[in-house]
N, C-alpha and C. Protein backbone atom coordinates (compact mmCIF):
# COMPACT_ATOMS: atom_id res chain seq x y z
N MET A 1 102.85 99.47 143.50
CA MET A 1 101.56 99.87 144.01
C MET A 1 100.40 99.54 144.01
N LEU A 2 99.71 99.82 142.72
CA LEU A 2 98.14 99.49 142.98
C LEU A 2 98.37 97.91 142.54
N ALA A 3 98.94 97.10 142.08
CA ALA A 3 99.63 95.63 141.72
C ALA A 3 99.76 95.48 142.80
N ALA A 4 100.43 95.83 143.89
CA ALA A 4 100.72 94.96 145.32
C ALA A 4 99.22 95.14 145.93
N LYS A 5 98.44 95.79 145.66
CA LYS A 5 96.91 96.11 146.41
C LYS A 5 96.87 96.86 147.77
N ILE A 6 98.27 98.30 147.58
CA ILE A 6 98.06 99.00 148.51
C ILE A 6 97.36 100.14 148.31
N PRO A 7 96.69 100.39 149.18
CA PRO A 7 95.27 101.13 149.17
C PRO A 7 95.68 102.79 148.68
N GLN A 8 94.76 103.06 148.16
CA GLN A 8 95.13 104.51 147.44
C GLN A 8 95.17 105.40 148.30
N ARG A 9 94.78 105.70 149.47
CA ARG A 9 95.30 106.96 150.22
C ARG A 9 96.51 106.51 150.88
N THR A 10 97.08 105.16 151.15
CA THR A 10 98.57 104.71 151.36
C THR A 10 99.62 105.59 150.12
N ILE A 11 99.21 105.28 149.24
CA ILE A 11 100.15 105.90 147.60
C ILE A 11 100.17 107.21 148.18
N CYS A 12 99.23 107.62 147.89
CA CYS A 12 98.65 109.41 147.79
C CYS A 12 99.49 109.82 148.62
N GLU A 13 99.52 109.39 150.01
CA GLU A 13 100.32 110.25 151.24
C GLU A 13 101.64 109.39 150.97
N GLN A 14 102.46 108.70 150.59
CA GLN A 14 103.62 108.52 150.33
C GLN A 14 104.53 109.43 148.55
N LEU A 15 103.36 109.50 147.85
CA LEU A 15 103.84 110.31 146.54
C LEU A 15 103.42 111.62 146.76
N HIS A 16 102.83 111.90 147.65
CA HIS A 16 101.83 113.47 147.91
C HIS A 16 101.01 114.10 146.79
N MET A 17 100.42 113.13 146.47
CA MET A 17 99.23 113.34 145.40
C MET A 17 98.02 113.19 145.67
N GLY A 18 97.51 113.69 145.24
CA GLY A 18 95.80 113.75 145.41
C GLY A 18 95.09 112.76 145.04
N ARG A 19 94.30 112.07 145.80
CA ARG A 19 93.68 110.78 145.51
C ARG A 19 92.74 110.76 143.91
N GLY A 20 92.67 111.75 143.80
CA GLY A 20 91.71 112.22 142.06
C GLY A 20 92.58 112.14 141.40
N VAL A 21 94.03 112.67 141.33
CA VAL A 21 94.88 112.76 140.55
C VAL A 21 95.39 111.03 140.31
N LEU A 22 94.89 110.26 141.58
CA LEU A 22 95.43 108.83 141.22
C LEU A 22 94.46 108.35 140.40
N ASN A 23 93.68 108.73 141.28
CA ASN A 23 92.16 107.69 140.61
C ASN A 23 92.44 108.15 138.63
N ARG A 24 92.67 109.65 138.57
CA ARG A 24 92.31 109.45 136.86
C ARG A 24 93.50 108.55 136.24
N TYR A 25 94.68 108.25 136.75
CA TYR A 25 96.00 107.75 135.78
C TYR A 25 95.24 106.20 135.91
N LYS A 26 94.95 106.02 137.15
CA LYS A 26 94.43 104.79 137.43
C LYS A 26 93.47 103.91 136.21
N THR A 27 92.23 105.21 135.89
CA THR A 27 91.11 104.81 134.88
C THR A 27 91.82 105.03 133.71
N LEU A 28 92.29 105.81 133.29
CA LEU A 28 93.07 106.13 132.16
C LEU A 28 93.93 104.51 131.45
N ALA A 29 94.56 104.38 132.88
CA ALA A 29 95.52 102.40 132.95
C ALA A 29 94.41 101.93 132.00
N ASP A 30 93.74 101.80 132.90
CA ASP A 30 92.19 100.37 132.67
C ASP A 30 91.60 100.87 131.63
N SER A 31 91.62 101.77 131.02
CA SER A 31 90.53 101.99 129.77
C SER A 31 91.68 101.47 128.74
N GLN A 32 92.75 101.67 128.75
CA GLN A 32 94.13 101.45 127.64
C GLN A 32 94.18 100.42 127.78
N GLY A 33 93.54 99.34 129.08
CA GLY A 33 93.84 97.97 128.76
C GLY A 33 95.11 97.56 129.53
N LEU A 34 96.37 98.56 130.14
CA LEU A 34 97.19 98.14 130.40
C LEU A 34 97.31 98.06 132.02
N SER A 35 98.37 96.87 132.21
CA SER A 35 98.24 96.38 133.63
C SER A 35 99.31 97.15 134.54
N TYR A 36 99.55 97.05 135.75
CA TYR A 36 100.37 97.86 136.81
C TYR A 36 101.72 97.80 136.37
N GLY A 37 101.98 96.89 136.33
CA GLY A 37 103.69 95.91 135.76
C GLY A 37 103.87 96.41 134.88
N VAL A 38 103.33 96.82 133.68
CA VAL A 38 103.74 97.11 132.35
C VAL A 38 104.26 98.75 133.03
N ILE A 39 103.22 99.53 133.42
CA ILE A 39 103.42 100.60 133.80
C ILE A 39 104.95 101.23 134.37
N GLY A 40 104.64 100.31 135.37
CA GLY A 40 105.91 100.05 136.13
C GLY A 40 107.07 99.77 135.41
N ARG A 41 107.42 99.39 134.30
CA ARG A 41 108.58 99.23 133.48
C ARG A 41 108.70 100.46 132.27
N MET A 42 107.85 101.35 131.92
CA MET A 42 107.79 102.04 130.85
C MET A 42 108.85 103.26 131.60
N SER A 43 109.19 103.75 130.60
CA SER A 43 110.65 104.82 130.35
C SER A 43 109.66 106.05 130.71
N ASP A 44 110.15 107.51 131.23
CA ASP A 44 109.86 108.29 131.88
C ASP A 44 109.29 108.74 130.51
N GLY A 45 109.87 109.02 129.21
CA GLY A 45 109.27 109.26 128.25
C GLY A 45 108.00 108.59 128.03
N GLU A 46 107.61 107.14 128.63
CA GLU A 46 107.07 106.50 127.50
C GLU A 46 105.56 106.89 128.33
N ILE A 47 106.23 107.38 129.90
CA ILE A 47 104.67 107.27 130.60
C ILE A 47 104.25 108.64 130.36
N GLU A 48 105.06 109.72 130.13
CA GLU A 48 105.19 110.88 129.78
C GLU A 48 103.98 110.92 128.51
N SER A 49 103.99 110.16 127.24
CA SER A 49 103.24 110.02 126.14
C SER A 49 101.90 109.36 126.56
N PHE A 50 101.89 108.57 127.41
CA PHE A 50 100.37 108.03 127.70
C PHE A 50 100.07 109.16 128.85
N LEU A 51 100.37 109.76 129.65
CA LEU A 51 99.56 110.67 130.22
C LEU A 51 98.73 111.96 129.24
N GLN A 52 99.78 111.95 127.98
CA GLN A 52 99.47 112.94 127.14
C GLN A 52 98.12 112.59 126.40
N LEU A 53 97.89 111.61 126.56
CA LEU A 53 96.67 110.55 125.73
C LEU A 53 95.20 111.32 126.66
N SER A 54 95.34 111.40 127.96
CA SER A 54 93.88 111.86 128.75
C SER A 54 94.08 113.08 129.12
N LYS A 55 94.74 113.72 127.84
CA LYS A 55 94.38 115.63 127.96
C LYS A 55 93.62 116.02 126.57
N PRO A 56 92.67 116.46 127.58
CA PRO A 56 91.47 116.49 125.70
C PRO A 56 92.28 117.77 125.64
N THR A 57 91.80 117.91 124.12
CA THR A 57 91.94 118.77 123.40
C THR A 57 90.84 119.71 122.85
N ALA A 58 90.94 121.26 123.09
CA ALA A 58 89.75 121.82 123.06
C ALA A 58 90.07 122.70 121.72
N ALA A 59 88.81 122.81 120.75
CA ALA A 59 88.92 124.14 119.76
C ALA A 59 89.16 125.24 120.32
N PRO A 60 90.17 125.87 119.66
CA PRO A 60 90.72 127.48 119.93
C PRO A 60 88.84 128.39 119.63
N SER A 61 88.60 129.30 120.75
CA SER A 61 87.22 129.91 121.07
C SER A 61 87.55 131.16 119.69
N SER A 62 86.79 131.54 119.39
CA SER A 62 86.31 132.72 118.96
C SER A 62 87.91 133.59 119.34
N GLN A 63 87.31 133.88 120.24
CA GLN A 63 88.23 135.09 120.58
C GLN A 63 89.52 134.95 120.47
N ARG A 64 90.15 133.48 120.95
CA ARG A 64 91.76 133.16 120.23
C ARG A 64 92.22 133.31 118.69
N GLN A 65 90.46 133.04 118.03
CA GLN A 65 91.22 133.19 116.69
C GLN A 65 91.47 134.29 116.34
N VAL A 66 90.66 135.13 116.63
CA VAL A 66 90.54 136.39 116.37
C VAL A 66 92.28 137.49 117.14
N LEU A 67 92.56 137.05 118.61
CA LEU A 67 93.99 137.22 119.18
C LEU A 67 94.89 136.81 117.73
N ASP A 68 94.83 135.54 117.51
CA ASP A 68 96.07 134.99 117.25
C ASP A 68 95.97 135.52 114.83
N GLY A 69 94.85 136.10 114.92
CA GLY A 69 95.41 137.15 113.62
C GLY A 69 95.89 137.97 113.54
N LEU A 70 95.72 138.40 115.03
CA LEU A 70 95.93 140.15 114.92
C LEU A 70 97.71 140.01 115.00
């Protein structure tokens, strides 16, 4: 849809998603240098793996480390 130059507002309405979510996915794709056509041909598993790249991994807090030790 992005490759077809459909406005983001329309895409969000059709997919029932927020514009912030769409913008985050668009930014991630742009930062990885992937065209929207390539993403459209990915399998669900490949897309899921791609989206996992965007999740920051936080170090466990000191409280969490204490709880894990118990």
